[in-house]
Structure formats: structure tokens, C-alpha cells
Amino acid sequence: MLRRASTLALAAAALVAVYVALAGWVLHRGAQALLTVGSIAKFIEPGAPIEDPLRLGYRGDPEAGLGLAFETLAVETRLGQAPAWYVPGARSDLAAIYVHGIAGAREDGYRHLSVLAEAAVPTLLIAYRNDPDAPAARGGRYAMGTTEWADLDAAVAVMVARGHDRLLLIGESMGGAIVGRFLRRSDHARFVTALALDSPALEFEAVLAHLAASRRLPAPGTVAWAALRFLDARGPDRLRDTDVVDAVAGFGGPLLLAHGSGDRIVPVAISERVLAERAAATHHLRTAADHLQSWHADPPAYRAAFGGFLAAITED
């Protein structure tokens, strides 16, 4: 009887292991496509040019989009020169740097820039490795901030050299992961005064589990764990250590965090972890929007939240 029970237990364990391996492999294939440079860009490319500069997907420089004078800078990264747009402002007590997400672009920061320009805050919108106009990284794969943070580090150095030593970092989606990794790794993190994050992908394993759950796969957390192992086996970068929730939660300056409960890509649970662990001043914009859609769900509310946040940090 005991032998039969033991045999059944072993068989069940083997079936579970086979399921986790197969489901993890399937999820890893989907994640590999998500992380492969160019694949998502083709999928989300609009059928016709977008005319509204405040909509994601608009393409055009700050003058064409918002009528703002700007300067194109060459940021010297470890991989070569990456372009950035510098929009000057009259304020000397604060400057901002915008960091976009996977398959995004500098123009995605125009929603924030429209408010920053009204507040006269100098702003740098950066490109980083694997952007079409920036150096390519090995393997042609996004690394969820584990390598991209170094390009943000180079951009911060440019701003500090220009006399901007009190910085607001704005990160959206994977841009949030880049900001988090920067806070953990960079000697320039001391120049960061405040953060503004939207739908931040601060833990890639949680993103994979969210995608697995959306496909109704049993044990999504375990499947995500397996998928990460497959991704790391393929390389070139290690994606297992992408949890930077602690870096954002432990940041001592003020934070504006926007995240919609309807996000189908980055689970709102990541932001809830940040909120639960934060001790410093935190402004939370709650919406029911999908990924990066909190602005579009209610533009006046978003503008008011971001504008109020700017007013608070510039008065410090």
C-alpha cells in the first residue's frame, strides 16, 4: 500500500515537473519575443501617423510636437553615442530626465513634458541602447534595466555637468526598471531628488507571472520561475535578478506613482508592494486604466496630479 502511494506520488511529481517545464518553455518563448528588439515595435506600430503629440506613438521632435525649443545632445554611453533632446527651462532648482519603456521613444515623454514646460523645468528626453537611433546591445534583447541603467547613468552625468544637480527621474514601464536599477547601482543616484513612475516594471518575474495568469495557466508563479531560467539559459543577460522594488521603496525622496488596475502587462501588485514598503512621501494616482493609459483615462486628473507633485518638490 505504501509502495503504491509512493509510486503515485512520484508519478504526480513527475507530471507536475513536466507541466512546469513545458509551460515555462512556452511562456519563455513569448517573453523572448517581448524582449527581442524590433518585434514589439512592429506589433504596436500605428497604421497611420499619429497627429496628437500627447498620444503614445507620436513621432516628431519637441518643436514639431509641442512648439518647444530644444537642443540635441550626444550622450557618451559605454556602447557609443546615444542622442537626447534637451528642452531648456528657466528653473535652476530642478531638472527632469524622462526614460521610456520597451519599444518606446523619447516622444512618449511629451505628456510629462507638456507639464514640465509649463513649470519651466529643464528636461532631458533620452534614447538608450537598442533604440533605433542609439547603439545596439549584444544579443538584440532588452534587459529590463539590468544593462540599460548605465545609459541613464551617462545621461545623468551630462545633466550634472550642465549644473543640474537636483533631478527628477521619470520612468514608464521598463523605464521604471531602468530607474530602479540606476538607484541601486549608480554613484550619481545622490543627485536624484524625486521620482515619477508610471506602470513601472520593477520585477520581471512578476510580469511573467501576470502574463501566465492572463493565459489561465495553473501555478503562474512557478511557471514564471521556470520561464526565467530558460531566458537566462539563452542569454546574453541575466534576467533573474530584476526585482528593484526595494530600491524604489527605499528611495528617500518623494515619489509620484501612477498605475492602473486594468494593466494587462505589468501587474498593479508591483506598485502595491512599493506603496506598502514606502516610508518617504508618496503620491499615488489610482486609476482603472490599462498599461500606460492612466493619462489618457483622465488627462486633467493626471496633469493636476503631476503638476501638484512638481509644485511640491520645487518648493522644498
Protein backbone atom coordinates (compact mmCIF):
# COMPACT_ATOMS: atom_id res chain seq x y z
CA MET A 1 0.00 0.00 0.00
CA LEU A 2 2.80 2.36 0.97
CA ARG A 3 4.73 1.42 -2.16
CA ARG A 4 1.70 2.18 -4.33
CA ALA A 5 1.17 5.55 -2.63
CA SER A 6 4.85 6.35 -3.10
CA THR A 7 4.67 5.41 -6.77
CA LEU A 8 1.60 7.59 -7.28
CA ALA A 9 3.28 10.50 -5.52
CA LEU A 10 6.35 10.15 -7.71
CA ALA A 11 4.21 9.99 -10.83
CA ALA A 12 2.28 13.08 -9.76
CA ALA A 13 5.51 14.93 -9.04
CA ALA A 14 6.84 13.94 -12.45
CA LEU A 15 3.68 15.19 -14.15
CA VAL A 16 3.92 18.49 -12.28
CA ALA A 17 7.58 18.84 -13.28
CA VAL A 18 6.75 18.11 -16.91
CA TYR A 19 3.91 20.65 -16.83
CA VAL A 20 6.10 23.36 -15.26
CA ALA A 21 8.86 22.70 -17.80
CA LEU A 22 6.54 22.74 -20.81
CA ALA A 23 4.50 25.74 -19.64
CA GLY A 24 7.70 27.56 -18.66
CA TRP A 25 9.14 26.89 -22.11
CA VAL A 26 6.02 28.24 -23.83
CA LEU A 27 5.99 31.33 -21.60
CA HIS A 28 9.69 31.87 -22.18
CA ARG A 29 9.10 31.86 -25.95
CA GLY A 30 6.52 34.59 -25.57
CA ALA A 31 8.80 36.56 -23.24
CA GLN A 32 11.69 36.18 -25.66
CA ALA A 33 9.56 37.76 -28.37
CA LEU A 34 8.61 40.57 -25.99
CA LEU A 35 12.26 41.26 -25.23
CA THR A 36 13.59 40.93 -28.78
CA VAL A 37 14.40 44.32 -30.24
CA GLY A 38 12.06 45.21 -33.11
CA SER A 39 9.35 42.60 -32.58
CA ILE A 40 7.09 44.64 -30.30
CA ALA A 41 7.75 47.81 -32.30
CA LYS A 42 6.29 46.13 -35.39
CA PHE A 43 3.28 44.89 -33.43
CA ILE A 44 2.35 48.25 -31.88
CA GLU A 45 3.22 50.45 -34.86
CA PRO A 46 0.15 52.54 -35.71
CA GLY A 47 -1.42 52.09 -39.11
CA ALA A 48 -1.32 55.83 -39.78
CA PRO A 49 0.85 58.63 -38.36
CA ILE A 50 -0.42 59.92 -35.01
CA GLU A 51 -1.06 63.66 -35.07
CA ASP A 52 -1.59 64.26 -31.35
CA PRO A 53 1.81 64.66 -29.62
CA LEU A 54 0.28 63.63 -26.28
CA ARG A 55 -0.68 60.21 -27.59
CA LEU A 56 1.73 57.30 -27.33
CA GLY A 57 3.22 56.53 -30.72
CA TYR A 58 3.54 60.14 -31.90
CA ARG A 59 6.85 60.82 -33.62
CA GLY A 60 8.43 64.24 -34.05
CA ASP A 61 10.89 66.43 -32.17
CA PRO A 62 9.81 68.76 -29.33
CA GLU A 63 9.48 71.78 -31.62
CA ALA A 64 7.32 69.91 -34.12
CA GLY A 65 5.24 68.29 -31.40
CA LEU A 66 4.87 70.91 -28.71
CA GLY A 67 6.43 74.06 -30.19
CA LEU A 68 9.32 73.88 -27.73
CA ALA A 69 12.88 74.93 -28.47
CA PHE A 70 15.34 72.12 -27.87
CA GLU A 71 18.94 71.03 -28.26
CA THR A 72 20.10 67.62 -29.45
CA LEU A 73 22.84 66.21 -27.23
CA ALA A 74 25.11 63.23 -27.76
CA VAL A 75 25.31 61.20 -24.55
CA GLU A 76 28.51 59.16 -24.37
CA THR A 77 27.48 55.70 -23.17
CA ARG A 78 29.63 52.61 -22.76
CA LEU A 79 28.40 51.40 -26.16
CA GLY A 80 28.76 54.69 -28.02
CA GLN A 81 26.81 57.89 -28.52
CA ALA A 82 23.08 57.95 -27.79
CA PRO A 83 21.05 61.06 -28.73
CA ALA A 84 18.94 63.01 -26.28
CA TRP A 85 16.69 66.05 -26.56
CA TYR A 86 17.33 68.80 -24.03
CA VAL A 87 14.44 71.22 -23.55
CA PRO A 88 15.64 74.24 -21.53
CA GLY A 89 13.66 75.84 -18.75
CA ALA A 90 14.05 78.88 -16.53
CA ARG A 91 14.15 76.93 -13.28
CA SER A 92 17.55 76.28 -11.74
CA ASP A 93 16.32 74.32 -8.69
CA LEU A 94 15.15 71.21 -10.56
CA ALA A 95 15.64 69.37 -13.86
CA ALA A 96 14.00 66.22 -15.20
CA ILE A 97 15.07 63.18 -17.20
CA TYR A 98 12.48 61.02 -18.99
CA VAL A 99 13.09 57.29 -19.60
CA HIS A 100 10.72 55.41 -21.91
CA GLY A 101 9.80 51.72 -21.91
CA ILE A 102 10.25 48.76 -24.28
CA ALA A 103 9.85 49.74 -27.94
CA GLY A 104 9.07 53.30 -26.85
CA ALA A 105 10.77 56.53 -27.77
CA ARG A 106 11.70 59.94 -26.41
CA GLU A 107 8.42 61.34 -27.73
CA ASP A 108 6.50 59.18 -25.26
CA GLY A 109 7.59 61.69 -22.64
CA TYR A 110 5.63 64.56 -24.22
CA ARG A 111 2.71 64.11 -21.81
CA HIS A 112 5.02 64.80 -18.89
CA LEU A 113 6.99 67.36 -20.89
CA SER A 114 3.84 69.40 -21.53
CA VAL A 115 3.52 69.89 -17.75
CA LEU A 116 7.24 70.27 -17.12
CA ALA A 117 7.48 73.03 -19.75
CA GLU A 118 4.64 74.95 -18.11
CA ALA A 119 6.57 74.74 -14.84
CA ALA A 120 9.79 75.89 -16.61
CA VAL A 121 11.65 72.69 -15.58
CA PRO A 122 14.60 71.85 -17.89
CA THR A 123 14.05 68.36 -19.27
CA LEU A 124 16.18 65.71 -20.99
CA LEU A 125 14.43 63.01 -23.03
CA ILE A 126 16.89 60.19 -23.64
CA ALA A 127 17.41 57.33 -26.03
CA TYR A 128 19.23 54.25 -24.77
CA ARG A 129 20.75 51.06 -26.12
CA ASN A 130 18.70 49.22 -28.74
CA ASP A 131 16.66 52.29 -29.64
CA PRO A 132 16.68 52.80 -33.44
CA ASP A 133 18.97 55.84 -33.13
CA ALA A 134 21.18 54.53 -30.31
CA PRO A 135 23.89 51.83 -30.12
CA ALA A 136 22.79 48.20 -30.32
CA ALA A 137 23.46 45.88 -27.40
CA ARG A 138 24.70 42.34 -27.73
CA GLY A 139 22.08 39.75 -28.48
CA GLY A 140 19.47 42.25 -29.69
CA ARG A 141 17.48 41.84 -26.47
CA TYR A 142 16.13 44.27 -23.90
CA ALA A 143 17.46 43.51 -20.43
CA MET A 144 14.77 45.00 -18.16
CA GLY A 145 17.11 47.66 -16.80
CA THR A 146 19.98 45.35 -15.86
CA THR A 147 22.19 46.89 -18.55
CA GLU A 148 20.19 49.93 -19.70
CA TRP A 149 20.70 51.69 -16.36
CA ALA A 150 24.25 52.53 -17.45
CA ASP A 151 22.88 54.69 -20.28
CA LEU A 152 20.72 56.59 -17.81
CA ASP A 153 23.82 56.99 -15.66
CA ALA A 154 25.62 58.61 -18.59
CA ALA A 155 22.66 60.95 -19.16
CA VAL A 156 22.63 61.98 -15.50
CA ALA A 157 26.34 62.77 -15.77
CA VAL A 158 25.57 65.08 -18.70
CA MET A 159 22.92 66.91 -16.71
CA VAL A 160 25.16 67.25 -13.66
CA ALA A 161 27.93 68.64 -15.87
CA ARG A 162 25.42 71.28 -17.04
CA GLY A 163 24.84 72.33 -13.45
CA HIS A 164 21.64 70.32 -12.82
CA ASP A 165 22.35 68.61 -9.53
CA ARG A 166 18.75 68.24 -8.32
CA LEU A 167 17.00 65.79 -10.62
CA LEU A 168 13.55 64.30 -11.12
CA LEU A 169 13.69 60.91 -12.85
CA ILE A 170 10.58 59.90 -14.79
CA GLY A 171 10.27 56.26 -15.83
CA GLU A 172 7.48 54.42 -17.62
CA SER A 173 7.11 50.62 -17.86
CA MET A 174 10.64 49.23 -18.35
CA GLY A 175 11.83 52.81 -17.85
CA GLY A 176 10.83 52.33 -14.23
CA ALA A 177 13.05 49.25 -14.03
CA ILE A 178 15.91 51.26 -15.50
CA VAL A 179 15.39 53.96 -12.88
CA GLY A 180 15.26 51.38 -10.09
CA ARG A 181 18.47 49.70 -11.22
CA PHE A 182 20.14 53.10 -11.55
CA LEU A 183 19.20 53.93 -7.95
CA ARG A 184 20.75 50.67 -6.81
CA ARG A 185 23.93 50.80 -8.87
CA SER A 186 24.92 54.37 -9.74
CA ASP A 187 27.17 56.73 -7.83
CA HIS A 188 25.10 59.52 -9.40
CA ALA A 189 21.97 58.43 -7.52
CA ARG A 190 22.77 61.10 -4.91
CA PHE A 191 21.68 63.76 -7.40
CA VAL A 192 18.13 62.38 -7.62
CA THR A 193 15.63 64.46 -5.67
CA ALA A 194 12.36 62.84 -6.75
CA LEU A 195 10.83 60.07 -8.87
CA ALA A 196 7.73 59.86 -11.06
CA LEU A 197 6.87 56.34 -12.27
CA ASP A 198 4.02 55.09 -14.43
CA SER A 199 3.19 51.38 -14.75
CA PRO A 200 6.73 50.53 -13.58
CA ALA A 201 8.00 47.03 -14.41
CA LEU A 202 10.11 46.75 -11.27
CA GLU A 203 10.11 42.93 -11.15
CA PHE A 204 10.21 40.92 -14.37
CA GLU A 205 9.27 37.60 -12.75
CA ALA A 206 6.04 39.22 -11.51
CA VAL A 207 5.38 40.47 -15.06
CA LEU A 208 5.83 36.92 -16.40
CA ALA A 209 3.54 35.50 -13.71
CA HIS A 210 0.95 38.12 -14.65
CA LEU A 211 1.16 37.08 -18.30
CA ALA A 212 0.91 33.41 -17.31
CA ALA A 213 -2.16 34.13 -15.19
CA SER A 214 -3.75 36.03 -18.08
CA ARG A 215 -3.38 32.83 -20.13
CA ARG A 216 -5.04 30.93 -17.27
CA LEU A 217 -2.04 28.71 -16.71
CA PRO A 218 -2.10 26.87 -13.37
CA ALA A 219 0.62 27.85 -10.86
CA PRO A 220 1.59 31.03 -12.79
CA GLY A 221 4.31 31.98 -10.30
CA THR A 222 6.09 28.64 -10.69
CA VAL A 223 5.73 28.77 -14.47
CA ALA A 224 7.24 32.28 -14.47
CA TRP A 225 10.13 30.98 -12.36
CA ALA A 226 10.82 28.28 -14.96
CA ALA A 227 10.47 30.71 -17.87
CA LEU A 228 13.12 32.97 -16.34
CA ARG A 229 15.54 30.05 -16.12
CA PHE A 230 15.02 29.32 -19.81
CA LEU A 231 15.53 33.00 -20.66
CA ASP A 232 18.75 33.16 -18.67
CA ALA A 233 20.00 29.97 -20.33
CA ARG A 234 19.59 31.62 -23.73
CA GLY A 235 21.32 34.82 -22.56
CA PRO A 236 23.01 37.12 -23.13
CA ASP A 237 21.96 38.90 -19.92
CA ARG A 238 20.83 37.54 -16.58
CA LEU A 239 17.19 38.49 -16.04
CA ARG A 240 16.65 36.57 -12.82
CA ASP A 241 17.72 39.46 -10.63
CA THR A 242 15.36 42.18 -11.87
CA ASP A 243 13.49 42.93 -8.65
CA VAL A 244 14.20 46.60 -7.83
CA VAL A 245 11.10 47.23 -5.73
CA ASP A 246 13.33 47.72 -2.71
CA ALA A 247 15.37 50.42 -4.48
CA VAL A 248 12.25 52.45 -5.26
CA ALA A 249 10.54 51.74 -1.95
CA GLY A 250 13.68 52.72 -0.06
CA PHE A 251 14.28 55.92 -2.03
CA GLY A 252 14.25 58.75 0.48
CA GLY A 253 12.79 61.48 -1.74
CA PRO A 254 9.19 62.00 -2.87
CA LEU A 255 7.62 59.61 -5.35
CA LEU A 256 4.67 60.00 -7.72
CA LEU A 257 3.34 56.58 -8.68
CA ALA A 258 0.65 56.10 -11.35
CA HIS A 259 -0.64 52.64 -12.19
CA GLY A 260 -3.96 51.37 -13.49
CA SER A 261 -5.63 48.30 -12.04
CA GLY A 262 -6.52 47.23 -15.59
CA ASP A 263 -2.86 46.88 -16.63
CA ARG A 264 -2.60 43.72 -18.73
CA ILE A 265 1.20 43.81 -18.97
CA VAL A 266 2.67 45.00 -15.67
CA PRO A 267 0.65 43.86 -12.64
CA VAL A 268 -0.52 46.62 -10.33
CA ALA A 269 0.61 44.34 -7.47
CA ILE A 270 4.17 45.56 -8.11
CA SER A 271 3.17 49.14 -7.35
CA GLU A 272 1.17 47.95 -4.37
CA ARG A 273 4.34 46.37 -2.99
CA VAL A 274 6.13 49.71 -3.39
CA LEU A 275 3.33 51.54 -1.60
CA ALA A 276 3.32 49.03 1.25
CA GLU A 277 7.07 49.35 1.77
CA ARG A 278 7.44 53.12 1.32
CA ALA A 279 8.29 55.35 4.27
CA ALA A 280 9.04 58.59 2.40
CA ALA A 281 6.47 60.94 0.83
CA THR A 282 4.42 59.14 -1.79
CA HIS A 283 1.76 60.48 -4.15
CA HIS A 284 -0.38 57.73 -5.67
CA LEU A 285 -2.57 58.23 -8.72
CA ARG A 286 -5.09 55.37 -8.72
CA THR A 287 -6.87 54.56 -12.00
CA ALA A 288 -8.55 51.58 -13.63
CA ALA A 289 -6.57 52.04 -16.85
CA ASP A 290 -4.57 49.60 -18.94
CA HIS A 291 -0.80 49.76 -19.35
CA LEU A 292 0.44 53.38 -19.60
CA GLN A 293 -3.11 54.58 -20.15
CA SER A 294 -3.70 56.44 -16.88
CA TRP A 295 -3.05 59.79 -18.61
CA HIS A 296 -5.48 59.01 -21.42
CA ALA A 297 -8.13 57.74 -18.99
CA ASP A 298 -8.34 61.21 -17.40
CA PRO A 299 -5.85 63.79 -18.74
CA PRO A 300 -6.94 66.64 -16.43
CA ALA A 301 -6.58 64.44 -13.35
CA TYR A 302 -3.15 63.25 -14.42
CA ARG A 303 -1.99 66.77 -15.25
CA ALA A 304 -3.25 68.01 -11.90
CA ALA A 305 -1.51 65.18 -10.03
CA PHE A 306 1.79 65.64 -11.84
CA GLY A 307 1.62 69.44 -11.69
CA GLY A 308 0.89 69.35 -7.96
CA PHE A 309 3.76 66.95 -7.44
CA LEU A 310 6.11 69.29 -9.32
CA ALA A 311 4.94 72.25 -7.26
CA ALA A 312 5.61 70.34 -4.05
CA ILE A 313 9.14 69.29 -4.95
CA THR A 314 10.13 72.69 -6.36
CA GLU A 315 9.01 74.38 -3.15
CA ASP A 316 11.25 72.18 -0.97
